[in-house]
Every structure is written in structure tokens, then in C-alpha cells.
């Protein structure tokens, strides 16, 4: 969604799919960089030899790495509300890691507008229900109810 829309138009989108991102490959370099940033160097993420002996058959991405990629994956379809002076990441009502993302896999996000509520005058809370799909996998990597707060100015 490139054009800003009115609150009324946004509310009419509740329950509708907002978009689907392009596929993004999760490679070992990205996983290693995330491990360095977070200090989470568990072998299942960073040691391909040891991880090969696990049921996953190789390294897997951190769940929080997959979650952090939502911004990049969803930016193209996050609604832009008219007169928004500032947009804040408000957090999540629910996040579930369903299926591990094997390194080398491709993921994409699918978003549906879950709710639009006025938190208080000039503050619109938007919930996007996001599913991160893994190419050629039946179950998703994660599902989340992502909240953003639009400050109207």
C-alpha cells in the first residue's frame, strides 16, 4: 500500500488480506550475524556440522530472527493512514513459532488486517495478523498478531 488511506477506508479492510511479500532466503551469513548481535550462539544455529546430526539435518534460523524480519517482509503492505505524524511498533498480542526455518530456505510473509481501534483520541492501534510461510513446507514458520500505533497529527 503506497498511498495513505482514511481511517474509514482502513476499517473497511479489516478481515482482508493486505498482501504477500516476496520470497527471502535465510542464509547462514544472516543467521551468524544475528547470533553475533544477540549473543545466541547455540550450535543448532551456527554449527552446520553438529546441527547436521539433529533431526533438522542442518542449521536453523533463530525464531527471533524470523520475527525480526517481519519489518522487511511486511513493509510493502503495511497500511499507511492519512495524517499519521508518527508510526510506532507497539508490540505483539501473540507470537507462535510453528516450524523451524532451515538455513537455505526461503520465507515470505502474508498479512491480514485484524483490527483497527482508537486507543485514545489521535491514536489508532492497528493489528496485522501475519503468517510467515516457508517455501515447500506445509506449516508456517510463525504466526503473529502485530500491533502498530499511528499517532495522528
N, C-alpha and C. Protein backbone atom coordinates (compact mmCIF):
# COMPACT_ATOMS: atom_id res chain seq x y z
N UNK A 1 0.85 -1.18 0.00
CA UNK A 1 0.00 0.00 0.00
C UNK A 1 0.89 1.23 0.00
N UNK A 2 0.88 1.95 -1.10
CA UNK A 2 1.77 3.10 -1.18
C UNK A 2 1.06 4.40 -0.82
N UNK A 3 -0.24 4.49 -1.10
CA UNK A 3 -0.97 5.71 -0.79
C UNK A 3 -1.58 5.65 0.60
N UNK A 4 -1.56 6.80 1.28
CA UNK A 4 -2.20 6.88 2.59
C UNK A 4 -3.72 6.84 2.41
N UNK A 5 -4.38 6.14 3.32
CA UNK A 5 -5.83 6.00 3.24
C UNK A 5 -6.49 6.55 4.51
N UNK A 6 -7.77 6.82 4.41
CA UNK A 6 -8.51 7.34 5.56
C UNK A 6 -8.75 6.22 6.58
N UNK A 7 -9.07 6.62 7.79
CA UNK A 7 -9.39 5.63 8.83
C UNK A 7 -10.60 4.80 8.41
N UNK A 8 -11.57 5.43 7.81
CA UNK A 8 -12.78 4.71 7.37
C UNK A 8 -12.43 3.65 6.33
N UNK A 9 -11.58 4.02 5.37
CA UNK A 9 -11.15 3.05 4.36
C UNK A 9 -10.33 1.93 4.99
N UNK A 10 -9.51 2.28 5.97
CA UNK A 10 -8.73 1.27 6.67
C UNK A 10 -9.65 0.29 7.40
N UNK A 11 -10.66 0.81 8.07
CA UNK A 11 -11.59 -0.06 8.81
C UNK A 11 -12.33 -1.02 7.88
N UNK A 12 -12.56 -0.59 6.65
CA UNK A 12 -13.23 -1.48 5.68
C UNK A 12 -12.35 -2.65 5.25
N UNK A 13 -11.06 -2.54 5.51
CA UNK A 13 -10.12 -3.61 5.14
C UNK A 13 -9.98 -4.69 6.22
N UNK A 14 -10.59 -4.48 7.39
CA UNK A 14 -10.49 -5.47 8.46
C UNK A 14 -11.00 -6.82 7.95
N UNK A 15 -10.20 -7.84 8.17
CA UNK A 15 -10.54 -9.19 7.72
C UNK A 15 -10.03 -9.52 6.33
N UNK A 16 -9.48 -8.54 5.64
CA UNK A 16 -9.00 -8.76 4.26
C UNK A 16 -7.48 -8.88 4.23
N UNK A 17 -7.00 -9.65 3.28
CA UNK A 17 -5.57 -9.80 3.10
C UNK A 17 -4.98 -8.48 2.59
N UNK A 18 -3.89 -8.06 3.21
CA UNK A 18 -3.22 -6.82 2.81
C UNK A 18 -2.17 -7.07 1.74
N UNK A 19 -1.55 -8.23 1.79
CA UNK A 19 -0.52 -8.52 0.80
C UNK A 19 0.33 -9.71 1.18
N UNK A 20 1.19 -10.05 0.25
CA UNK A 20 2.14 -11.15 0.41
C UNK A 20 3.49 -10.62 -0.06
N UNK A 21 4.52 -10.85 0.74
CA UNK A 21 5.84 -10.36 0.39
C UNK A 21 6.50 -11.23 -0.67
N UNK A 22 7.62 -10.75 -1.15
CA UNK A 22 8.49 -11.56 -2.00
C UNK A 22 9.16 -12.62 -1.11
N UNK A 23 9.69 -13.66 -1.73
CA UNK A 23 10.44 -14.66 -1.00
C UNK A 23 11.78 -14.08 -0.58
N UNK A 24 12.24 -14.48 0.60
CA UNK A 24 13.54 -14.05 1.14
C UNK A 24 14.29 -15.29 1.61
N UNK A 25 15.51 -15.48 1.08
CA UNK A 25 16.31 -16.62 1.52
C UNK A 25 16.98 -16.31 2.85
N UNK A 26 16.90 -17.26 3.77
CA UNK A 26 17.56 -17.14 5.06
C UNK A 26 18.86 -17.94 4.96
N UNK A 27 19.97 -17.22 4.81
CA UNK A 27 21.26 -17.90 4.62
C UNK A 27 22.06 -17.93 5.92
N UNK A 28 23.12 -18.72 5.91
CA UNK A 28 23.94 -18.90 7.11
C UNK A 28 24.59 -17.60 7.56
N UNK A 29 25.00 -16.77 6.62
CA UNK A 29 25.62 -15.50 7.00
C UNK A 29 24.66 -14.64 7.84
N UNK A 30 23.40 -14.56 7.42
CA UNK A 30 22.41 -13.78 8.17
C UNK A 30 22.21 -14.37 9.57
N UNK A 31 22.13 -15.70 9.65
CA UNK A 31 21.95 -16.38 10.94
C UNK A 31 23.16 -16.11 11.84
N UNK A 32 24.36 -16.21 11.29
CA UNK A 32 25.58 -15.94 12.07
C UNK A 32 25.62 -14.50 12.56
N UNK A 33 25.24 -13.56 11.71
CA UNK A 33 25.23 -12.16 12.12
C UNK A 33 24.22 -11.93 13.24
N UNK A 34 23.06 -12.57 13.14
CA UNK A 34 22.04 -12.44 14.19
C UNK A 34 22.57 -13.03 15.49
N UNK A 35 23.26 -14.16 15.40
CA UNK A 35 23.86 -14.77 16.59
C UNK A 35 24.85 -13.82 17.24
N UNK A 36 25.65 -13.15 16.44
CA UNK A 36 26.63 -12.20 16.97
C UNK A 36 25.95 -11.02 17.66
N UNK A 37 24.90 -10.50 17.05
CA UNK A 37 24.20 -9.35 17.61
C UNK A 37 23.49 -9.71 18.92
N UNK A 38 22.90 -10.89 18.98
CA UNK A 38 22.10 -11.27 20.16
C UNK A 38 22.88 -12.07 21.19
N UNK A 39 24.04 -12.59 20.83
CA UNK A 39 24.80 -13.42 21.75
C UNK A 39 24.28 -14.85 21.84
N UNK A 40 23.36 -15.22 20.96
CA UNK A 40 22.78 -16.57 20.95
C UNK A 40 23.53 -17.41 19.92
N UNK A 41 24.57 -18.10 20.39
CA UNK A 41 25.40 -18.91 19.50
C UNK A 41 25.14 -20.40 19.68
N UNK A 42 23.91 -20.76 20.01
CA UNK A 42 23.58 -22.18 20.16
C UNK A 42 23.95 -22.92 18.87
N UNK A 43 24.55 -24.09 19.03
CA UNK A 43 25.08 -24.81 17.87
C UNK A 43 24.04 -25.07 16.78
N UNK A 44 22.80 -25.23 17.14
CA UNK A 44 21.75 -25.54 16.15
C UNK A 44 21.61 -24.41 15.12
N UNK A 45 22.12 -23.22 15.48
CA UNK A 45 22.06 -22.07 14.58
C UNK A 45 23.37 -21.83 13.83
N UNK A 46 24.51 -22.11 14.49
CA UNK A 46 25.79 -21.63 13.94
C UNK A 46 26.80 -22.72 13.60
N UNK A 47 26.52 -23.96 13.92
CA UNK A 47 27.49 -25.03 13.67
C UNK A 47 26.87 -26.07 12.72
N UNK A 48 27.07 -25.90 11.41
CA UNK A 48 26.46 -26.80 10.43
C UNK A 48 26.84 -28.27 10.63
N UNK A 49 28.04 -28.55 11.10
CA UNK A 49 28.46 -29.94 11.28
C UNK A 49 27.68 -30.59 12.42
N UNK A 50 27.66 -29.96 13.57
CA UNK A 50 26.91 -30.52 14.71
C UNK A 50 25.40 -30.52 14.43
N UNK A 51 24.91 -29.47 13.79
CA UNK A 51 23.48 -29.38 13.51
C UNK A 51 23.03 -30.45 12.51
N UNK A 52 23.95 -30.92 11.67
CA UNK A 52 23.60 -31.96 10.70
C UNK A 52 23.16 -33.26 11.38
N UNK A 53 23.62 -33.46 12.61
CA UNK A 53 23.28 -34.68 13.36
C UNK A 53 21.95 -34.56 14.09
N UNK A 54 21.28 -33.43 14.00
CA UNK A 54 19.99 -33.24 14.66
C UNK A 54 18.86 -33.65 13.72
N UNK A 55 17.65 -33.75 14.22
CA UNK A 55 16.52 -34.07 13.34
C UNK A 55 16.29 -33.05 12.22
N UNK A 56 16.86 -31.85 12.35
CA UNK A 56 16.70 -30.82 11.32
C UNK A 56 17.65 -31.03 10.15
N UNK A 57 18.70 -31.80 10.35
CA UNK A 57 19.64 -32.10 9.28
C UNK A 57 20.56 -30.96 8.91
N UNK A 58 20.57 -29.92 9.70
CA UNK A 58 21.41 -28.75 9.45
C UNK A 58 21.00 -27.61 10.35
N UNK A 59 21.61 -26.47 10.14
CA UNK A 59 21.32 -25.31 10.98
C UNK A 59 19.94 -24.74 10.68
N UNK A 60 19.38 -24.12 11.71
CA UNK A 60 18.07 -23.46 11.59
C UNK A 60 18.21 -22.01 12.08
N UNK A 61 17.35 -21.17 11.56
CA UNK A 61 17.33 -19.77 11.97
C UNK A 61 16.77 -19.64 13.37
N UNK A 62 17.22 -18.64 14.08
CA UNK A 62 16.63 -18.30 15.38
C UNK A 62 15.17 -17.90 15.14
N UNK A 63 14.29 -18.28 16.03
CA UNK A 63 12.90 -17.82 15.92
C UNK A 63 12.82 -16.31 15.95
N UNK A 64 13.63 -15.69 16.81
CA UNK A 64 13.60 -14.24 16.90
C UNK A 64 14.16 -13.57 15.65
N UNK A 65 15.04 -14.25 14.92
CA UNK A 65 15.49 -13.72 13.63
C UNK A 65 14.31 -13.68 12.67
N UNK A 66 13.57 -14.77 12.59
CA UNK A 66 12.40 -14.80 11.72
C UNK A 66 11.43 -13.69 12.10
N UNK A 67 11.19 -13.53 13.39
CA UNK A 67 10.29 -12.48 13.86
C UNK A 67 10.82 -11.10 13.48
N UNK A 68 12.12 -10.88 13.62
CA UNK A 68 12.69 -9.57 13.31
C UNK A 68 12.61 -9.23 11.83
N UNK A 69 12.50 -10.24 10.99
CA UNK A 69 12.40 -10.00 9.54
C UNK A 69 11.02 -9.50 9.12
N UNK A 70 10.06 -9.47 10.05
CA UNK A 70 8.71 -9.00 9.69
C UNK A 70 8.72 -7.59 9.13
N UNK A 71 9.55 -6.72 9.67
CA UNK A 71 9.58 -5.35 9.16
C UNK A 71 9.91 -5.36 7.68
N UNK A 72 10.99 -6.02 7.32
CA UNK A 72 11.40 -6.08 5.91
C UNK A 72 10.35 -6.78 5.06
N UNK A 73 9.83 -7.88 5.56
CA UNK A 73 8.87 -8.66 4.77
C UNK A 73 7.54 -7.94 4.58
N UNK A 74 7.10 -7.20 5.59
CA UNK A 74 5.74 -6.62 5.56
C UNK A 74 5.68 -5.15 5.14
N UNK A 75 6.80 -4.50 5.05
CA UNK A 75 6.81 -3.06 4.78
C UNK A 75 6.00 -2.69 3.54
N UNK A 76 6.01 -3.54 2.54
CA UNK A 76 5.31 -3.23 1.30
C UNK A 76 3.80 -3.25 1.40
N UNK A 77 3.25 -3.87 2.43
CA UNK A 77 1.78 -3.92 2.51
C UNK A 77 1.21 -3.38 3.83
N UNK A 78 2.05 -2.81 4.68
CA UNK A 78 1.52 -2.20 5.90
C UNK A 78 0.74 -0.95 5.50
N UNK A 79 -0.52 -0.84 5.95
CA UNK A 79 -1.33 0.33 5.57
C UNK A 79 -0.75 1.64 6.10
N UNK A 80 -0.86 2.66 5.28
CA UNK A 80 -0.44 3.99 5.67
C UNK A 80 -1.71 4.82 5.90
N UNK A 81 -1.85 5.29 7.10
CA UNK A 81 -3.03 6.04 7.49
C UNK A 81 -2.79 7.53 7.27
N UNK A 82 -3.76 8.20 6.64
CA UNK A 82 -3.63 9.65 6.40
C UNK A 82 -3.39 10.39 7.70
N UNK A 83 -2.61 11.44 7.59
CA UNK A 83 -2.31 12.35 8.70
C UNK A 83 -1.53 11.69 9.84
N UNK A 84 -0.85 10.59 9.54
CA UNK A 84 -0.03 9.96 10.58
C UNK A 84 1.26 10.77 10.74
N UNK A 85 1.46 11.30 11.94
CA UNK A 85 2.66 12.06 12.25
C UNK A 85 3.81 11.13 12.63
N UNK A 86 3.45 9.98 13.24
CA UNK A 86 4.45 9.03 13.67
C UNK A 86 3.81 7.65 13.73
N UNK A 87 4.58 6.65 13.35
CA UNK A 87 4.13 5.26 13.39
C UNK A 87 5.07 4.50 14.30
N UNK A 88 4.51 3.85 15.32
CA UNK A 88 5.32 3.14 16.30
C UNK A 88 5.01 1.65 16.30
N UNK A 89 6.05 0.85 16.43
CA UNK A 89 5.87 -0.57 16.64
C UNK A 89 5.36 -0.72 18.07
N UNK A 90 4.16 -1.26 18.25
CA UNK A 90 3.53 -1.32 19.57
C UNK A 90 3.70 -2.70 20.21
N UNK A 91 4.19 -3.67 19.45
CA UNK A 91 4.44 -4.98 20.00
C UNK A 91 3.57 -6.06 19.38
N UNK A 92 3.34 -7.11 20.15
CA UNK A 92 2.59 -8.26 19.67
C UNK A 92 1.61 -8.73 20.73
N UNK A 93 0.42 -9.11 20.29
CA UNK A 93 -0.51 -9.76 21.21
C UNK A 93 -0.21 -11.25 21.29
N UNK A 94 0.28 -11.82 20.20
CA UNK A 94 0.54 -13.25 20.17
C UNK A 94 1.62 -13.52 19.13
N UNK A 95 2.56 -14.40 19.50
CA UNK A 95 3.57 -14.88 18.57
C UNK A 95 3.74 -16.36 18.84
N UNK A 96 3.70 -17.15 17.79
CA UNK A 96 3.95 -18.59 17.92
C UNK A 96 4.93 -19.01 16.84
N UNK A 97 5.99 -19.71 17.25
CA UNK A 97 6.95 -20.28 16.33
C UNK A 97 6.49 -21.71 16.03
N UNK A 98 6.03 -21.95 14.83
CA UNK A 98 5.40 -23.22 14.48
C UNK A 98 6.40 -24.23 13.91
N UNK A 99 7.15 -23.81 12.90
CA UNK A 99 8.09 -24.70 12.20
C UNK A 99 9.45 -24.01 12.09
N UNK A 100 10.53 -24.72 12.44
CA UNK A 100 11.86 -24.12 12.29
C UNK A 100 12.16 -23.81 10.83
N UNK A 101 12.89 -22.72 10.63
CA UNK A 101 13.33 -22.32 9.29
C UNK A 101 14.73 -22.86 9.08
N UNK A 102 14.85 -23.83 8.20
CA UNK A 102 16.17 -24.38 7.89
C UNK A 102 16.98 -23.35 7.09
N UNK A 103 18.25 -23.24 7.43
CA UNK A 103 19.13 -22.33 6.69
C UNK A 103 19.12 -22.76 5.22
N UNK A 104 18.99 -21.77 4.36
CA UNK A 104 18.89 -22.01 2.92
C UNK A 104 17.46 -21.99 2.43
N UNK A 105 16.50 -22.02 3.37
CA UNK A 105 15.08 -21.95 3.00
C UNK A 105 14.70 -20.53 2.62
N UNK A 106 13.58 -20.43 1.91
CA UNK A 106 13.03 -19.12 1.59
C UNK A 106 11.72 -18.95 2.36
N UNK A 107 11.53 -17.73 2.87
CA UNK A 107 10.32 -17.41 3.61
C UNK A 107 9.65 -16.20 2.99
N UNK A 108 8.36 -16.06 3.28
CA UNK A 108 7.63 -14.86 2.89
C UNK A 108 6.53 -14.62 3.92
N UNK A 109 6.05 -13.39 3.97
CA UNK A 109 5.00 -13.03 4.92
C UNK A 109 3.70 -12.76 4.18
N UNK A 110 2.62 -13.14 4.85
CA UNK A 110 1.27 -12.90 4.36
C UNK A 110 0.54 -12.18 5.49
N UNK A 111 -0.03 -11.02 5.19
CA UNK A 111 -0.67 -10.22 6.24
C UNK A 111 -2.14 -9.96 5.97
N UNK A 112 -2.92 -10.05 7.04
CA UNK A 112 -4.34 -9.74 7.02
C UNK A 112 -4.60 -8.67 8.08
N UNK A 113 -5.42 -7.68 7.74
CA UNK A 113 -5.75 -6.65 8.73
C UNK A 113 -6.71 -7.26 9.75
N UNK A 114 -6.25 -7.35 10.99
CA UNK A 114 -7.03 -7.99 12.04
C UNK A 114 -7.97 -7.05 12.77
N UNK A 115 -7.51 -5.82 13.04
CA UNK A 115 -8.34 -4.89 13.81
C UNK A 115 -7.80 -3.47 13.67
N UNK A 116 -8.71 -2.52 13.82
CA UNK A 116 -8.38 -1.10 13.88
C UNK A 116 -9.18 -0.52 15.03
N UNK A 117 -8.48 0.01 16.04
CA UNK A 117 -9.18 0.56 17.21
C UNK A 117 -8.56 1.89 17.60
N UNK A 118 -9.39 2.76 18.15
CA UNK A 118 -8.89 4.03 18.65
C UNK A 118 -8.48 3.81 20.10
N UNK A 119 -7.20 3.92 20.36
CA UNK A 119 -6.70 3.72 21.72
C UNK A 119 -7.10 4.89 22.60
N UNK A 120 -6.93 6.08 22.08
CA UNK A 120 -7.42 7.34 22.65
C UNK A 120 -7.40 8.35 21.53
N UNK A 121 -8.01 9.51 21.68
CA UNK A 121 -8.06 10.45 20.56
C UNK A 121 -6.67 10.71 19.98
N UNK A 122 -6.57 10.56 18.67
CA UNK A 122 -5.33 10.79 17.96
C UNK A 122 -4.38 9.60 17.95
N UNK A 123 -4.83 8.46 18.47
CA UNK A 123 -4.00 7.26 18.49
C UNK A 123 -4.81 6.06 17.97
N UNK A 124 -4.41 5.58 16.82
CA UNK A 124 -5.10 4.45 16.18
C UNK A 124 -4.20 3.22 16.27
N UNK A 125 -4.72 2.18 16.91
CA UNK A 125 -3.99 0.92 17.05
C UNK A 125 -4.43 -0.02 15.94
N UNK A 126 -3.44 -0.52 15.18
CA UNK A 126 -3.71 -1.40 14.04
C UNK A 126 -3.08 -2.76 14.33
N UNK A 127 -3.87 -3.82 14.16
CA UNK A 127 -3.35 -5.18 14.32
C UNK A 127 -3.30 -5.87 12.97
N UNK A 128 -2.12 -6.35 12.62
CA UNK A 128 -1.95 -7.13 11.40
C UNK A 128 -1.65 -8.56 11.81
N UNK A 129 -2.46 -9.48 11.32
CA UNK A 129 -2.24 -10.90 11.57
C UNK A 129 -1.31 -11.41 10.48
N UNK A 130 -0.11 -11.80 10.89
CA UNK A 130 0.94 -12.17 9.95
C UNK A 130 1.25 -13.65 10.06
N UNK A 131 1.40 -14.27 8.91
CA UNK A 131 1.88 -15.65 8.81
C UNK A 131 3.14 -15.63 7.98
N UNK A 132 4.21 -16.21 8.51
CA UNK A 132 5.44 -16.36 7.74
C UNK A 132 5.48 -17.78 7.22
N UNK A 133 5.42 -17.88 5.90
CA UNK A 133 5.41 -19.17 5.23
C UNK A 133 6.83 -19.57 4.84
N UNK A 134 7.05 -20.88 4.80
CA UNK A 134 8.32 -21.43 4.34
C UNK A 134 8.05 -22.12 3.02
N UNK A 135 8.82 -21.78 2.01
CA UNK A 135 8.62 -22.38 0.69
C UNK A 135 8.70 -23.90 0.78
N UNK A 136 7.73 -24.55 0.17
CA UNK A 136 7.63 -26.02 0.11
C UNK A 136 7.41 -26.69 1.46
N UNK A 137 6.93 -25.94 2.44
CA UNK A 137 6.57 -26.51 3.75
C UNK A 137 5.07 -26.35 3.95
N UNK A 138 4.47 -27.34 4.56
CA UNK A 138 3.03 -27.31 4.80
C UNK A 138 2.66 -26.32 5.91
N UNK A 139 3.45 -26.32 6.98
CA UNK A 139 3.16 -25.47 8.13
C UNK A 139 4.01 -24.20 8.08
N UNK A 140 3.49 -23.10 8.63
CA UNK A 140 4.25 -21.85 8.61
C UNK A 140 5.39 -21.84 9.62
N UNK A 141 6.30 -20.91 9.44
CA UNK A 141 7.38 -20.70 10.40
C UNK A 141 6.83 -20.06 11.66
N UNK A 142 5.98 -19.05 11.48
CA UNK A 142 5.40 -18.38 12.64
C UNK A 142 4.09 -17.72 12.27
N UNK A 143 3.31 -17.48 13.30
CA UNK A 143 2.11 -16.66 13.19
C UNK A 143 2.19 -15.61 14.29
N UNK A 144 1.74 -14.41 13.99
CA UNK A 144 1.84 -13.32 14.96
C UNK A 144 0.71 -12.32 14.77
N UNK A 145 0.30 -11.72 15.87
CA UNK A 145 -0.62 -10.60 15.86
C UNK A 145 0.22 -9.36 16.19
N UNK A 146 0.54 -8.60 15.14
CA UNK A 146 1.48 -7.49 15.24
C UNK A 146 0.72 -6.18 15.38
N UNK A 147 1.10 -5.38 16.36
CA UNK A 147 0.42 -4.12 16.63
C UNK A 147 1.28 -2.93 16.26
N UNK A 148 0.65 -1.94 15.62
CA UNK A 148 1.34 -0.68 15.36
C UNK A 148 0.43 0.46 15.81
N UNK A 149 1.04 1.50 16.31
CA UNK A 149 0.29 2.63 16.81
C UNK A 149 0.55 3.84 15.91
N UNK A 150 -0.54 4.33 15.32
CA UNK A 150 -0.47 5.50 14.44
C UNK A 150 -0.84 6.73 15.27
N UNK A 151 0.10 7.66 15.38
CA UNK A 151 -0.14 8.91 16.07
C UNK A 151 -0.57 9.91 15.00
N UNK A 152 -1.81 10.37 15.11
CA UNK A 152 -2.38 11.27 14.11
C UNK A 152 -2.08 12.71 14.52
N UNK A 153 -1.56 13.46 13.56
CA UNK A 153 -1.17 14.84 13.89
C UNK A 153 -1.70 15.85 12.94
